[in-house]
Amino acid sequence: IEDPVEAIHLGSLIAAQGYIFPISDHV
């Protein structure tokens, strides 16, 4: 992936499914 925005979007999709989660909040 060349565009960081695309990588962030993909990471957010993975996080939305619960595979990765932030430890500081519930979003």
PDB file of all heavy atoms in Angstrom:
ATOM      1  N   ILE A   1       0.854  -1.187   0.000  1.00  0.00           N
ATOM      2  CA  ILE A   1       0.000   0.000   0.000  1.00  0.00           C
ATOM      3  C   ILE A   1       0.888   1.234   0.000  1.00  0.00           C
ATOM      4  O   ILE A   1       1.782   1.378   0.846  1.00  0.00           O
ATOM      5  CB  ILE A   1      -0.925   0.009   1.238  1.00  0.00           C
ATOM      6  CG1 ILE A   1      -1.830  -1.229   1.231  1.00  0.00           C
ATOM      7  CG2 ILE A   1      -1.770   1.278   1.268  1.00  0.00           C
ATOM      8  CD1 ILE A   1      -2.685  -1.366   2.481  1.00  0.00           C
ATOM      9  N   GLU A   2       0.658   2.130  -0.945  1.00  0.00           N
ATOM     10  CA  GLU A   2       1.502   3.318  -1.067  1.00  0.00           C
ATOM     11  C   GLU A   2       0.933   4.519  -0.316  1.00  0.00           C
ATOM     12  O   GLU A   2       1.678   5.351   0.201  1.00  0.00           O
ATOM     13  CB  GLU A   2       1.680   3.671  -2.549  1.00  0.00           C
ATOM     14  CG  GLU A   2       2.404   2.587  -3.352  1.00  0.00           C
ATOM     15  CD  GLU A   2       2.576   2.973  -4.803  1.00  0.00           C
ATOM     16  OE1 GLU A   2       2.082   4.074  -5.186  1.00  0.00           O
ATOM     17  OE2 GLU A   2       3.174   2.196  -5.563  1.00  0.00           O
ATOM     18  N   ASP A   3      -0.378   4.610  -0.239  1.00  0.00           N
ATOM     19  CA  ASP A   3      -1.018   5.767   0.394  1.00  0.00           C
ATOM     20  C   ASP A   3      -1.286   5.468   1.868  1.00  0.00           C
ATOM     21  O   ASP A   3      -2.007   4.511   2.198  1.00  0.00           O
ATOM     22  CB  ASP A   3      -2.326   6.085  -0.325  1.00  0.00           C
ATOM     23  CG  ASP A   3      -2.948   7.398   0.157  1.00  0.00           C
ATOM     24  OD1 ASP A   3      -2.403   7.995   1.106  1.00  0.00           O
ATOM     25  OD2 ASP A   3      -3.976   7.809  -0.419  1.00  0.00           O
ATOM     26  N   PRO A   4      -0.732   6.255   2.795  1.00  0.00           N
ATOM     27  CA  PRO A   4      -1.000   6.026   4.229  1.00  0.00           C
ATOM     28  C   PRO A   4      -2.487   6.096   4.578  1.00  0.00           C
ATOM     29  O   PRO A   4      -2.949   5.395   5.474  1.00  0.00           O
ATOM     30  CB  PRO A   4      -0.220   7.152   4.922  1.00  0.00           C
ATOM     31  CG  PRO A   4       0.817   7.576   3.932  1.00  0.00           C
ATOM     32  CD  PRO A   4       0.207   7.365   2.582  1.00  0.00           C
ATOM     33  N   VAL A   5      -3.238   6.939   3.860  1.00  0.00           N
ATOM     34  CA  VAL A   5      -4.677   7.063   4.134  1.00  0.00           C
ATOM     35  C   VAL A   5      -5.383   5.733   3.870  1.00  0.00           C
ATOM     36  O   VAL A   5      -6.277   5.318   4.615  1.00  0.00           O
ATOM     37  CB  VAL A   5      -5.301   8.180   3.271  1.00  0.00           C
ATOM     38  CG1 VAL A   5      -6.820   8.234   3.473  1.00  0.00           C
ATOM     39  CG2 VAL A   5      -4.673   9.528   3.608  1.00  0.00           C
ATOM     40  N   GLU A   6      -4.960   5.049   2.796  1.00  0.00           N
ATOM     41  CA  GLU A   6      -5.555   3.747   2.483  1.00  0.00           C
ATOM     42  C   GLU A   6      -5.217   2.724   3.569  1.00  0.00           C
ATOM     43  O   GLU A   6      -6.062   1.907   3.961  1.00  0.00           O
ATOM     44  CB  GLU A   6      -5.046   3.264   1.127  1.00  0.00           C
ATOM     45  CG  GLU A   6      -5.692   1.960   0.676  1.00  0.00           C
ATOM     46  CD  GLU A   6      -5.186   1.509  -0.685  1.00  0.00           C
ATOM     47  OE1 GLU A   6      -4.507   2.304  -1.369  1.00  0.00           O
ATOM     48  OE2 GLU A   6      -5.461   0.349  -1.057  1.00  0.00           O
ATOM     49  N   ALA A   7      -3.977   2.782   4.087  1.00  0.00           N
ATOM     50  CA  ALA A   7      -3.577   1.855   5.156  1.00  0.00           C
ATOM     51  C   ALA A   7      -4.360   2.129   6.437  1.00  0.00           C
ATOM     52  O   ALA A   7      -4.780   1.193   7.143  1.00  0.00           O
ATOM     53  CB  ALA A   7      -2.072   1.985   5.409  1.00  0.00           C
ATOM     54  N   ILE A   8      -4.582   3.419   6.746  1.00  0.00           N
ATOM     55  CA  ILE A   8      -5.366   3.772   7.933  1.00  0.00           C
ATOM     56  C   ILE A   8      -6.803   3.285   7.768  1.00  0.00           C
ATOM     57  O   ILE A   8      -7.420   2.767   8.712  1.00  0.00           O
ATOM     58  CB  ILE A   8      -5.330   5.300   8.158  1.00  0.00           C
ATOM     59  CG1 ILE A   8      -3.913   5.746   8.510  1.00  0.00           C
ATOM     60  CG2 ILE A   8      -6.296   5.702   9.266  1.00  0.00           C
ATOM     61  CD1 ILE A   8      -3.740   7.258   8.555  1.00  0.00           C
ATOM     62  N   HIS A   9      -7.350   3.450   6.548  1.00  0.00           N
ATOM     63  CA  HIS A   9      -8.716   2.991   6.288  1.00  0.00           C
ATOM     64  C   HIS A   9      -8.826   1.477   6.473  1.00  0.00           C
ATOM     65  O   HIS A   9      -9.773   0.985   7.111  1.00  0.00           O
ATOM     66  CB  HIS A   9      -9.129   3.382   4.871  1.00  0.00           C
ATOM     67  CG  HIS A   9     -10.484   2.875   4.476  1.00  0.00           C
ATOM     68  ND1 HIS A   9     -11.646   3.316   5.065  1.00  0.00           N
ATOM     69  CD2 HIS A   9     -10.852   1.941   3.555  1.00  0.00           C
ATOM     70  CE1 HIS A   9     -12.681   2.690   4.531  1.00  0.00           C
ATOM     71  NE2 HIS A   9     -12.234   1.847   3.613  1.00  0.00           N
ATOM     72  N   LEU A  10      -7.851   0.733   5.934  1.00  0.00           N
ATOM     73  CA  LEU A  10      -7.859  -0.718   6.084  1.00  0.00           C
ATOM     74  C   LEU A  10      -7.731  -1.104   7.563  1.00  0.00           C
ATOM     75  O   LEU A  10      -8.434  -2.005   8.056  1.00  0.00           O
ATOM     76  CB  LEU A  10      -6.723  -1.344   5.273  1.00  0.00           C
ATOM     77  CG  LEU A  10      -6.573  -2.869   5.397  1.00  0.00           C
ATOM     78  CD1 LEU A  10      -7.843  -3.576   4.956  1.00  0.00           C
ATOM     79  CD2 LEU A  10      -5.375  -3.353   4.586  1.00  0.00           C
ATOM     80  N   GLY A  11      -6.842  -0.410   8.283  1.00  0.00           N
ATOM     81  CA  GLY A  11      -6.678  -0.675   9.714  1.00  0.00           C
ATOM     82  C   GLY A  11      -7.961  -0.411  10.486  1.00  0.00           C
ATOM     83  O   GLY A  11      -8.316  -1.148  11.413  1.00  0.00           O
ATOM     84  N   SER A  12      -8.694   0.643  10.092  1.00  0.00           N
ATOM     85  CA  SER A  12      -9.956   0.967  10.776  1.00  0.00           C
ATOM     86  C   SER A  12     -11.014  -0.099  10.500  1.00  0.00           C
ATOM     87  O   SER A  12     -11.812  -0.430  11.388  1.00  0.00           O
ATOM     88  CB  SER A  12     -10.462   2.336  10.313  1.00  0.00           C
ATOM     89  OG  SER A  12      -9.580   3.362  10.724  1.00  0.00           O
ATOM     90  N   LEU A  13     -11.021  -0.647   9.274  1.00  0.00           N
ATOM     91  CA  LEU A  13     -11.965  -1.720   8.960  1.00  0.00           C
ATOM     92  C   LEU A  13     -11.668  -2.967   9.796  1.00  0.00           C
ATOM     93  O   LEU A  13     -12.574  -3.638  10.288  1.00  0.00           O
ATOM     94  CB  LEU A  13     -11.894  -2.061   7.468  1.00  0.00           C
ATOM     95  CG  LEU A  13     -12.420  -0.984   6.497  1.00  0.00           C
ATOM     96  CD1 LEU A  13     -12.209  -1.419   5.054  1.00  0.00           C
ATOM     97  CD2 LEU A  13     -13.895  -0.705   6.749  1.00  0.00           C
ATOM     98  N   ILE A  14     -10.378  -3.269   9.958  1.00  0.00           N
ATOM     99  CA  ILE A  14      -9.994  -4.421  10.780  1.00  0.00           C
ATOM    100  C   ILE A  14     -10.367  -4.175  12.241  1.00  0.00           C
ATOM    101  O   ILE A  14     -10.877  -5.057  12.932  1.00  0.00           O
ATOM    102  CB  ILE A  14      -8.477  -4.695  10.642  1.00  0.00           C
ATOM    103  CG1 ILE A  14      -8.155  -5.111   9.202  1.00  0.00           C
ATOM    104  CG2 ILE A  14      -8.026  -5.768  11.620  1.00  0.00           C
ATOM    105  CD1 ILE A  14      -6.663  -5.261   8.932  1.00  0.00           C
ATOM    106  N   ALA A  15     -10.125  -2.942  12.714  1.00  0.00           N
ATOM    107  CA  ALA A  15     -10.456  -2.603  14.109  1.00  0.00           C
ATOM    108  C   ALA A  15     -11.960  -2.634  14.338  1.00  0.00           C
ATOM    109  O   ALA A  15     -12.437  -3.051  15.410  1.00  0.00           O
ATOM    110  CB  ALA A  15      -9.895  -1.226  14.454  1.00  0.00           C
ATOM    111  N   ALA A  16     -12.741  -2.217  13.342  1.00  0.00           N
ATOM    112  CA  ALA A  16     -14.200  -2.206  13.485  1.00  0.00           C
ATOM    113  C   ALA A  16     -14.754  -3.602  13.695  1.00  0.00           C
ATOM    114  O   ALA A  16     -15.802  -3.778  14.329  1.00  0.00           O
ATOM    115  CB  ALA A  16     -14.838  -1.565  12.255  1.00  0.00           C
ATOM    116  N   GLN A  17     -14.062  -4.619  13.186  1.00  0.00           N
ATOM    117  CA  GLN A  17     -14.479  -6.004  13.389  1.00  0.00           C
ATOM    118  C   GLN A  17     -13.977  -6.563  14.717  1.00  0.00           C
ATOM    119  O   GLN A  17     -14.320  -7.682  15.091  1.00  0.00           O
ATOM    120  CB  GLN A  17     -13.961  -6.883  12.235  1.00  0.00           C
ATOM    121  CG  GLN A  17     -14.455  -6.481  10.865  1.00  0.00           C
ATOM    122  CD  GLN A  17     -15.936  -6.724  10.685  1.00  0.00           C
ATOM    123  OE1 GLN A  17     -16.530  -7.520  11.404  1.00  0.00           O
ATOM    124  NE2 GLN A  17     -16.553  -6.035   9.729  1.00  0.00           N
ATOM    125  N   GLY A  18     -13.147  -5.790  15.421  1.00  0.00           N
ATOM    126  CA  GLY A  18     -12.707  -6.202  16.751  1.00  0.00           C
ATOM    127  C   GLY A  18     -11.400  -6.979  16.783  1.00  0.00           C
ATOM    128  O   GLY A  18     -11.006  -7.465  17.851  1.00  0.00           O
ATOM    129  N   TYR A  19     -10.694  -7.092  15.668  1.00  0.00           N
ATOM    130  CA  TYR A  19      -9.443  -7.847  15.659  1.00  0.00           C
ATOM    131  C   TYR A  19      -8.305  -7.052  16.316  1.00  0.00           C
ATOM    132  O   TYR A  19      -7.375  -7.628  16.863  1.00  0.00           O
ATOM    133  CB  TYR A  19      -9.048  -8.213  14.229  1.00  0.00           C
ATOM    134  CG  TYR A  19      -9.916  -9.294  13.620  1.00  0.00           C
ATOM    135  CD1 TYR A  19     -10.986  -8.968  12.798  1.00  0.00           C
ATOM    136  CD2 TYR A  19      -9.666 -10.631  13.874  1.00  0.00           C
ATOM    137  CE1 TYR A  19     -11.788  -9.957  12.241  1.00  0.00           C
ATOM    138  CE2 TYR A  19     -10.458 -11.628  13.315  1.00  0.00           C
ATOM    139  CZ  TYR A  19     -11.519 -11.277  12.503  1.00  0.00           C
ATOM    140  OH  TYR A  19     -12.312 -12.265  11.961  1.00  0.00           O
ATOM    141  N   ILE A  20      -8.388  -5.735  16.238  1.00  0.00           N
ATOM    142  CA  ILE A  20      -7.438  -4.834  16.901  1.00  0.00           C
ATOM    143  C   ILE A  20      -8.272  -3.790  17.628  1.00  0.00           C
ATOM    144  O   ILE A  20      -9.289  -3.332  17.100  1.00  0.00           O
ATOM    145  CB  ILE A  20      -6.505  -4.134  15.889  1.00  0.00           C
ATOM    146  CG1 ILE A  20      -5.768  -5.161  15.032  1.00  0.00           C
ATOM    147  CG2 ILE A  20      -5.501  -3.244  16.605  1.00  0.00           C
ATOM    148  CD1 ILE A  20      -4.986  -4.536  13.890  1.00  0.00           C
ATOM    149  N   PHE A  21      -7.837  -3.409  18.826  1.00  0.00           N
ATOM    150  CA  PHE A  21      -8.644  -2.426  19.559  1.00  0.00           C
ATOM    151  C   PHE A  21      -7.739  -1.501  20.370  1.00  0.00           C
ATOM    152  O   PHE A  21      -6.682  -1.913  20.855  1.00  0.00           O
ATOM    153  CB  PHE A  21      -9.640  -3.126  20.485  1.00  0.00           C
ATOM    154  CG  PHE A  21      -8.999  -4.022  21.512  1.00  0.00           C
ATOM    155  CD1 PHE A  21      -8.640  -3.525  22.768  1.00  0.00           C
ATOM    156  CD2 PHE A  21      -8.736  -5.345  21.237  1.00  0.00           C
ATOM    157  CE1 PHE A  21      -8.050  -4.348  23.719  1.00  0.00           C
ATOM    158  CE2 PHE A  21      -8.154  -6.183  22.179  1.00  0.00           C
ATOM    159  CZ  PHE A  21      -7.810  -5.679  23.421  1.00  0.00           C
ATOM    160  N   PRO A  22      -8.144  -0.244  20.519  1.00  0.00           N
ATOM    161  CA  PRO A  22      -7.386   0.689  21.365  1.00  0.00           C
ATOM    162  C   PRO A  22      -7.628   0.393  22.831  1.00  0.00           C
ATOM    163  O   PRO A  22      -8.722  -0.026  23.211  1.00  0.00           O
ATOM    164  CB  PRO A  22      -7.950   2.057  20.966  1.00  0.00           C
ATOM    165  CG  PRO A  22      -9.350   1.761  20.508  1.00  0.00           C
ATOM    166  CD  PRO A  22      -9.299   0.400  19.872  1.00  0.00           C
ATOM    167  N   ILE A  23      -6.635   0.603  23.650  1.00  0.00           N
ATOM    168  CA  ILE A  23      -6.797   0.300  25.080  1.00  0.00           C
ATOM    169  C   ILE A  23      -7.258   1.513  25.873  1.00  0.00           C
ATOM    170  O   ILE A  23      -7.570   1.394  27.059  1.00  0.00           O
ATOM    171  CB  ILE A  23      -5.476  -0.232  25.672  1.00  0.00           C
ATOM    172  CG1 ILE A  23      -4.391   0.854  25.645  1.00  0.00           C
ATOM    173  CG2 ILE A  23      -5.006  -1.470  24.924  1.00  0.00           C
ATOM    174  CD1 ILE A  23      -3.138   0.485  26.414  1.00  0.00           C
ATOM    175  N   SER A  24      -7.334   2.674  25.213  1.00  0.00           N
ATOM    176  CA  SER A  24      -7.648   3.907  25.951  1.00  0.00           C
ATOM    177  C   SER A  24      -9.117   4.309  25.862  1.00  0.00           C
ATOM    178  O   SER A  24      -9.610   5.052  26.701  1.00  0.00           O
ATOM    179  CB  SER A  24      -6.778   5.063  25.448  1.00  0.00           C
ATOM    180  OG  SER A  24      -6.955   5.241  24.044  1.00  0.00           O
ATOM    181  N   ASP A  25      -9.831   3.844  24.827  1.00  0.00           N
ATOM    182  CA  ASP A  25     -11.235   4.217  24.690  1.00  0.00           C
ATOM    183  C   ASP A  25     -12.015   3.073  24.051  1.00  0.00           C
ATOM    184  O   ASP A  25     -11.466   2.009  23.766  1.00  0.00           O
ATOM    185  CB  ASP A  25     -11.404   5.510  23.884  1.00  0.00           C
ATOM    186  CG  ASP A  25     -10.776   5.412  22.495  1.00  0.00           C
ATOM    187  OD1 ASP A  25     -10.961   4.362  21.835  1.00  0.00           O
ATOM    188  OD2 ASP A  25     -10.108   6.368  22.060  1.00  0.00           O
ATOM    189  N   HIS A  26     -13.308   3.325  23.796  1.00  0.00           N
ATOM    190  CA  HIS A  26     -14.205   2.285  23.273  1.00  0.00           C
ATOM    191  C   HIS A  26     -14.470   2.446  21.781  1.00  0.00           C
ATOM    192  O   HIS A  26     -15.288   1.714  21.225  1.00  0.00           O
ATOM    193  CB  HIS A  26     -15.541   2.326  24.019  1.00  0.00           C
ATOM    194  CG  HIS A  26     -15.424   1.994  25.481  1.00  0.00           C
ATOM    195  ND1 HIS A  26     -15.641   0.729  25.978  1.00  0.00           N
ATOM    196  CD2 HIS A  26     -15.104   2.766  26.546  1.00  0.00           C
ATOM    197  CE1 HIS A  26     -15.462   0.729  27.287  1.00  0.00           C
ATOM    198  NE2 HIS A  26     -15.143   1.957  27.657  1.00  0.00           N
ATOM    199  N   VAL A  27     -13.835   3.397  21.127  1.00  0.00           N
ATOM    200  CA  VAL A  27     -14.086   3.657  19.710  1.00  0.00           C
ATOM    201  C   VAL A  27     -13.098   2.850  18.882  1.00  0.00           C
ATOM    202  O   VAL A  27     -11.885   3.061  18.958  1.00  0.00           O
ATOM    203  CB  VAL A  27     -13.951   5.161  19.393  1.00  0.00           C
ATOM    204  CG1 VAL A  27     -14.270   5.420  17.930  1.00  0.00           C
ATOM    205  CG2 VAL A  27     -14.874   5.979  20.293  1.00  0.00           C
TER     206      VAL A  27
END
